[in-house]
Amino acid sequence: MTSSSGEDAPGSGRDETPQERADRLWGEMLQEVRVCQTGAQILFGFLLSVAFTPRFAALSGFDKNLYDATVVLGAIATGALVAPVAFHRFLAGHGMKPELIHVAGRLIATGLVTLALTITAALLLLLRTATGDAPVAWFLSAAVLLWFTTAWLVLPQVVLSRTAARQRRGTER
């Protein structure tokens, strides 16, 4: 089990040096972020192209502002998810992998939050345009954001809490 700081919990059964741990955690982080980077970059590229479609001119002022906010969120998400790679390039060879892991973890978390917001805002814009029913679009978009919050934040915390409670009960016996 890995804590929020990227370090293994005591008693995890791993026998590795701090450098080996840092190398392993960095490799795991890269694998995790690759999925998000690709999705964020594709979504961002698609969002950029929307402004050049004929239907864009027909959007209401609110929807154009929503589009602008969505593109900015997409740029932030993409930048945050790509940043660990750039960060690594500058720090490689300086023996700073634990610091890299800490900062990269925060950048990835920022990227995930802004990616969820980007997807939600893009969905809201799409549903407002496709259905013409603003209340339904808001409701469905809020439901999707609630799903992201549940799946990406709440569920991992529930699993972490349950595992910690189970481990405490096991050590009390």
C-alpha atoms as a PDB file:
ATOM      1  CA  MET A   1       0.000   0.000   0.000  1.00  0.00           C
ATOM      2  CA  THR A   2       1.288   3.452  -0.871  1.00  0.00           C
ATOM      3  CA  SER A   3       0.538   6.543   1.190  1.00  0.00           C
ATOM      4  CA  SER A   4      -0.358   9.922  -0.273  1.00  0.00           C
ATOM      5  CA  SER A   5       3.286  10.925   0.023  1.00  0.00           C
ATOM      6  CA  GLY A   6       4.257   8.103  -2.329  1.00  0.00           C
ATOM      7  CA  GLU A   7       5.978   6.019   0.326  1.00  0.00           C
ATOM      8  CA  ASP A   8       5.096   2.479   1.250  1.00  0.00           C
ATOM      9  CA  ALA A   9       3.271   1.883   4.477  1.00  0.00           C
ATOM     10  CA  PRO A  10       5.315   0.359   7.279  1.00  0.00           C
ATOM     11  CA  GLY A  11       5.237  -3.411   7.176  1.00  0.00           C
ATOM     12  CA  SER A  12       4.442  -3.518   3.461  1.00  0.00           C
ATOM     13  CA  GLY A  13       6.827  -6.438   3.031  1.00  0.00           C
ATOM     14  CA  ARG A  14       9.094  -4.639   0.559  1.00  0.00           C
ATOM     15  CA  ASP A  15      12.827  -4.937   1.022  1.00  0.00           C
ATOM     16  CA  GLU A  16      14.239  -2.101  -1.046  1.00  0.00           C
ATOM     17  CA  THR A  17      16.605   0.802  -0.584  1.00  0.00           C
ATOM     18  CA  PRO A  18      15.246   4.358  -0.652  1.00  0.00           C
ATOM     19  CA  GLN A  19      16.641   4.748  -4.188  1.00  0.00           C
ATOM     20  CA  GLU A  20      15.035   1.494  -5.342  1.00  0.00           C
ATOM     21  CA  ARG A  21      11.749   2.624  -3.815  1.00  0.00           C
ATOM     22  CA  ALA A  22      12.009   5.988  -5.564  1.00  0.00           C
ATOM     23  CA  ASP A  23      12.770   4.278  -8.892  1.00  0.00           C
ATOM     24  CA  ARG A  24       9.806   1.918  -8.473  1.00  0.00           C
ATOM     25  CA  LEU A  25       7.413   4.686  -7.461  1.00  0.00           C
ATOM     26  CA  TRP A  26       8.557   6.864 -10.354  1.00  0.00           C
ATOM     27  CA  GLY A  27       7.960   3.999 -12.809  1.00  0.00           C
ATOM     28  CA  GLU A  28       4.497   3.417 -11.350  1.00  0.00           C
ATOM     29  CA  MET A  29       3.671   7.117 -11.599  1.00  0.00           C
ATOM     30  CA  LEU A  30       4.733   7.230 -15.252  1.00  0.00           C
ATOM     31  CA  GLN A  31       2.512   4.263 -16.079  1.00  0.00           C
ATOM     32  CA  GLU A  32      -0.452   5.888 -14.315  1.00  0.00           C
ATOM     33  CA  VAL A  33      -0.035   9.288 -15.920  1.00  0.00           C
ATOM     34  CA  ARG A  34       0.455   7.976 -19.479  1.00  0.00           C
ATOM     35  CA  VAL A  35      -3.212   7.027 -19.696  1.00  0.00           C
ATOM     36  CA  CYS A  36      -4.368  10.439 -18.504  1.00  0.00           C
ATOM     37  CA  GLN A  37      -1.869  12.363 -20.646  1.00  0.00           C
ATOM     38  CA  THR A  38      -3.108  10.777 -23.831  1.00  0.00           C
ATOM     39  CA  GLY A  39      -6.765  11.314 -23.017  1.00  0.00           C
ATOM     40  CA  ALA A  40      -6.215  14.903 -21.946  1.00  0.00           C
ATOM     41  CA  GLN A  41      -4.198  15.706 -25.064  1.00  0.00           C
ATOM     42  CA  ILE A  42      -6.817  14.206 -27.391  1.00  0.00           C
ATOM     43  CA  LEU A  43      -9.638  16.027 -25.600  1.00  0.00           C
ATOM     44  CA  PHE A  44      -7.701  19.302 -25.664  1.00  0.00           C
ATOM     45  CA  GLY A  45      -6.975  18.943 -29.379  1.00  0.00           C
ATOM     46  CA  PHE A  46     -10.634  18.275 -30.076  1.00  0.00           C
ATOM     47  CA  LEU A  47     -11.669  21.287 -27.996  1.00  0.00           C
ATOM     48  CA  LEU A  48      -9.311  23.523 -29.952  1.00  0.00           C
ATOM     49  CA  SER A  49     -10.929  22.460 -33.219  1.00  0.00           C
ATOM     50  CA  VAL A  50     -14.485  23.248 -32.074  1.00  0.00           C
ATOM     51  CA  ALA A  51     -14.021  27.005 -32.501  1.00  0.00           C
ATOM     52  CA  PHE A  52     -13.442  26.471 -36.223  1.00  0.00           C
ATOM     53  CA  THR A  53     -16.724  24.675 -36.887  1.00  0.00           C
ATOM     54  CA  PRO A  54     -19.714  26.441 -38.467  1.00  0.00           C
ATOM     55  CA  ARG A  55     -21.958  25.678 -35.472  1.00  0.00           C
ATOM     56  CA  PHE A  56     -19.637  27.518 -33.082  1.00  0.00           C
ATOM     57  CA  ALA A  57     -20.776  30.914 -34.351  1.00  0.00           C
ATOM     58  CA  ALA A  58     -24.363  30.035 -33.417  1.00  0.00           C
ATOM     59  CA  LEU A  59     -23.547  29.368 -29.741  1.00  0.00           C
ATOM     60  CA  SER A  60     -25.030  31.696 -27.150  1.00  0.00           C
ATOM     61  CA  GLY A  61     -22.809  34.027 -25.154  1.00  0.00           C
ATOM     62  CA  PHE A  62     -23.019  31.689 -22.153  1.00  0.00           C
ATOM     63  CA  ASP A  63     -22.022  28.685 -24.244  1.00  0.00           C
ATOM     64  CA  LYS A  64     -19.079  30.553 -25.796  1.00  0.00           C
ATOM     65  CA  ASN A  65     -17.907  31.510 -22.299  1.00  0.00           C
ATOM     66  CA  LEU A  66     -18.393  27.891 -21.202  1.00  0.00           C
ATOM     67  CA  TYR A  67     -16.313  26.809 -24.187  1.00  0.00           C
ATOM     68  CA  ASP A  68     -13.571  29.282 -23.280  1.00  0.00           C
ATOM     69  CA  ALA A  69     -13.500  27.999 -19.692  1.00  0.00           C
ATOM     70  CA  THR A  70     -13.442  24.404 -20.938  1.00  0.00           C
ATOM     71  CA  VAL A  71     -10.470  25.075 -23.228  1.00  0.00           C
ATOM     72  CA  VAL A  72      -8.562  26.789 -20.413  1.00  0.00           C
ATOM     73  CA  LEU A  73      -9.313  23.867 -18.067  1.00  0.00           C
ATOM     74  CA  GLY A  74      -8.152  21.471 -20.795  1.00  0.00           C
ATOM     75  CA  ALA A  75      -4.908  23.406 -21.203  1.00  0.00           C
ATOM     76  CA  ILE A  76      -4.305  23.325 -17.438  1.00  0.00           C
ATOM     77  CA  ALA A  77      -5.067  19.593 -17.260  1.00  0.00           C
ATOM     78  CA  THR A  78      -2.772  18.815 -20.184  1.00  0.00           C
ATOM     79  CA  GLY A  79       0.000  20.985 -18.780  1.00  0.00           C
ATOM     80  CA  ALA A  80      -0.253  19.461 -15.302  1.00  0.00           C
ATOM     81  CA  LEU A  81      -0.231  15.900 -16.655  1.00  0.00           C
ATOM     82  CA  VAL A  82       2.739  16.514 -18.950  1.00  0.00           C
ATOM     83  CA  ALA A  83       4.667  18.550 -16.352  1.00  0.00           C
ATOM     84  CA  PRO A  84       6.150  15.528 -14.493  1.00  0.00           C
ATOM     85  CA  VAL A  85       8.030  14.582 -17.662  1.00  0.00           C
ATOM     86  CA  ALA A  86       9.494  18.082 -18.046  1.00  0.00           C
ATOM     87  CA  PHE A  87      10.233  18.202 -14.329  1.00  0.00           C
ATOM     88  CA  HIS A  88      12.091  14.892 -14.611  1.00  0.00           C
ATOM     89  CA  ARG A  89      14.152  16.190 -17.538  1.00  0.00           C
ATOM     90  CA  PHE A  90      15.431  19.083 -15.412  1.00  0.00           C
ATOM     91  CA  LEU A  91      16.097  16.969 -12.313  1.00  0.00           C
ATOM     92  CA  ALA A  92      17.424  13.785 -13.927  1.00  0.00           C
ATOM     93  CA  GLY A  93      20.861  12.903 -12.628  1.00  0.00           C
ATOM     94  CA  HIS A  94      20.706  15.222  -9.622  1.00  0.00           C
ATOM     95  CA  GLY A  95      19.689  12.559  -7.075  1.00  0.00           C
ATOM     96  CA  MET A  96      16.358  14.267  -6.431  1.00  0.00           C
ATOM     97  CA  LYS A  97      13.913  11.485  -7.296  1.00  0.00           C
ATOM     98  CA  PRO A  98      12.079  11.615  -3.927  1.00  0.00           C
ATOM     99  CA  GLU A  99      11.422  15.330  -4.479  1.00  0.00           C
ATOM    100  CA  LEU A 100      10.398  14.605  -8.061  1.00  0.00           C
ATOM    101  CA  ILE A 101       7.913  11.985  -6.870  1.00  0.00           C
ATOM    102  CA  HIS A 102       6.398  14.396  -4.347  1.00  0.00           C
ATOM    103  CA  VAL A 103       5.962  17.231  -6.860  1.00  0.00           C
ATOM    104  CA  ALA A 104       4.858  14.911  -9.665  1.00  0.00           C
ATOM    105  CA  GLY A 105       2.208  13.427  -7.384  1.00  0.00           C
ATOM    106  CA  ARG A 106       0.765  16.880  -6.775  1.00  0.00           C
ATOM    107  CA  LEU A 107       0.914  17.767 -10.475  1.00  0.00           C
ATOM    108  CA  ILE A 108      -0.873  14.543 -11.391  1.00  0.00           C
ATOM    109  CA  ALA A 109      -3.551  15.211  -8.757  1.00  0.00           C
ATOM    110  CA  THR A 110      -4.014  18.722 -10.178  1.00  0.00           C
ATOM    111  CA  GLY A 111      -4.186  17.269 -13.674  1.00  0.00           C
ATOM    112  CA  LEU A 112      -6.813  14.721 -12.662  1.00  0.00           C
ATOM    113  CA  VAL A 113      -9.006  17.337 -10.984  1.00  0.00           C
ATOM    114  CA  THR A 114      -8.785  19.705 -13.937  1.00  0.00           C
ATOM    115  CA  LEU A 115      -9.324  16.809 -16.365  1.00  0.00           C
ATOM    116  CA  ALA A 116     -12.528  15.878 -14.523  1.00  0.00           C
ATOM    117  CA  LEU A 117     -13.639  19.516 -14.660  1.00  0.00           C
ATOM    118  CA  THR A 118     -12.745  19.732 -18.362  1.00  0.00           C
ATOM    119  CA  ILE A 119     -14.731  16.614 -19.202  1.00  0.00           C
ATOM    120  CA  THR A 120     -17.677  17.853 -17.145  1.00  0.00           C
ATOM    121  CA  ALA A 121     -17.632  21.294 -18.759  1.00  0.00           C
ATOM    122  CA  ALA A 122     -17.285  19.787 -22.241  1.00  0.00           C
ATOM    123  CA  LEU A 123     -20.182  17.460 -21.493  1.00  0.00           C
ATOM    124  CA  LEU A 124     -22.271  20.384 -20.272  1.00  0.00           C
ATOM    125  CA  LEU A 125     -21.555  22.331 -23.460  1.00  0.00           C
ATOM    126  CA  LEU A 126     -22.288  19.332 -25.645  1.00  0.00           C
ATOM    127  CA  LEU A 127     -25.538  18.473 -23.844  1.00  0.00           C
ATOM    128  CA  ARG A 128     -26.738  22.098 -23.840  1.00  0.00           C
ATOM    129  CA  THR A 129     -26.127  22.227 -27.580  1.00  0.00           C
ATOM    130  CA  ALA A 130     -27.378  18.732 -28.475  1.00  0.00           C
ATOM    131  CA  THR A 131     -30.490  18.621 -26.285  1.00  0.00           C
ATOM    132  CA  GLY A 132     -31.395  22.299 -26.051  1.00  0.00           C
ATOM    133  CA  ASP A 133     -32.522  21.481 -22.498  1.00  0.00           C
ATOM    134  CA  ALA A 134     -30.270  23.377 -20.079  1.00  0.00           C
ATOM    135  CA  PRO A 135     -31.649  21.850 -16.834  1.00  0.00           C
ATOM    136  CA  VAL A 136     -31.144  18.307 -18.147  1.00  0.00           C
ATOM    137  CA  ALA A 137     -27.639  19.219 -19.339  1.00  0.00           C
ATOM    138  CA  TRP A 138     -26.735  20.646 -15.921  1.00  0.00           C
ATOM    139  CA  PHE A 139     -28.191  17.636 -14.099  1.00  0.00           C
ATOM    140  CA  LEU A 140     -26.388  15.061 -16.244  1.00  0.00           C
ATOM    141  CA  SER A 141     -23.106  16.967 -16.098  1.00  0.00           C
ATOM    142  CA  ALA A 142     -23.366  17.254 -12.316  1.00  0.00           C
ATOM    143  CA  ALA A 143     -24.059  13.508 -12.145  1.00  0.00           C
ATOM    144  CA  VAL A 144     -20.916  12.801 -14.170  1.00  0.00           C
ATOM    145  CA  LEU A 145     -18.848  15.101 -11.926  1.00  0.00           C
ATOM    146  CA  LEU A 146     -20.279  13.283  -8.900  1.00  0.00           C
ATOM    147  CA  TRP A 147     -19.249   9.989 -10.505  1.00  0.00           C
ATOM    148  CA  PHE A 148     -15.685  11.261 -11.036  1.00  0.00           C
ATOM    149  CA  THR A 149     -15.564  12.475  -7.443  1.00  0.00           C
ATOM    150  CA  THR A 150     -16.821   9.144  -6.177  1.00  0.00           C
ATOM    151  CA  ALA A 151     -14.635   6.920  -8.362  1.00  0.00           C
ATOM    152  CA  TRP A 152     -11.450   9.009  -8.232  1.00  0.00           C
ATOM    153  CA  LEU A 153     -11.528  10.436  -4.705  1.00  0.00           C
ATOM    154  CA  VAL A 154     -14.110   8.896  -2.393  1.00  0.00           C
ATOM    155  CA  LEU A 155     -13.707   5.222  -3.310  1.00  0.00           C
ATOM    156  CA  PRO A 156      -9.902   5.197  -2.891  1.00  0.00           C
ATOM    157  CA  GLN A 157     -10.292   6.911   0.501  1.00  0.00           C
ATOM    158  CA  VAL A 158     -12.904   4.341   1.590  1.00  0.00           C
ATOM    159  CA  VAL A 159     -10.624   1.480   0.568  1.00  0.00           C
ATOM    160  CA  LEU A 160      -7.673   3.114   2.324  1.00  0.00           C
ATOM    161  CA  SER A 161      -9.684   3.667   5.528  1.00  0.00           C
ATOM    162  CA  ARG A 162     -11.046   0.119   5.544  1.00  0.00           C
ATOM    163  CA  THR A 163      -7.594  -1.353   4.969  1.00  0.00           C
ATOM    164  CA  ALA A 164      -6.091   0.783   7.750  1.00  0.00           C
ATOM    165  CA  ALA A 165      -8.893  -0.248  10.129  1.00  0.00           C
ATOM    166  CA  ARG A 166      -8.391  -3.921   9.238  1.00  0.00           C
ATOM    167  CA  GLN A 167      -4.645  -3.594   9.834  1.00  0.00           C
ATOM    168  CA  ARG A 168      -5.232  -1.905  13.210  1.00  0.00           C
ATOM    169  CA  ARG A 169      -7.581  -4.696  14.260  1.00  0.00           C
ATOM    170  CA  GLY A 170      -4.960  -7.242  13.189  1.00  0.00           C
ATOM    171  CA  THR A 171      -2.223  -5.616  15.286  1.00  0.00           C
ATOM    172  CA  GLU A 172      -4.472  -5.292  18.342  1.00  0.00           C
ATOM    173  CA  ARG A 173      -4.935  -9.043  18.610  1.00  0.00           C
END
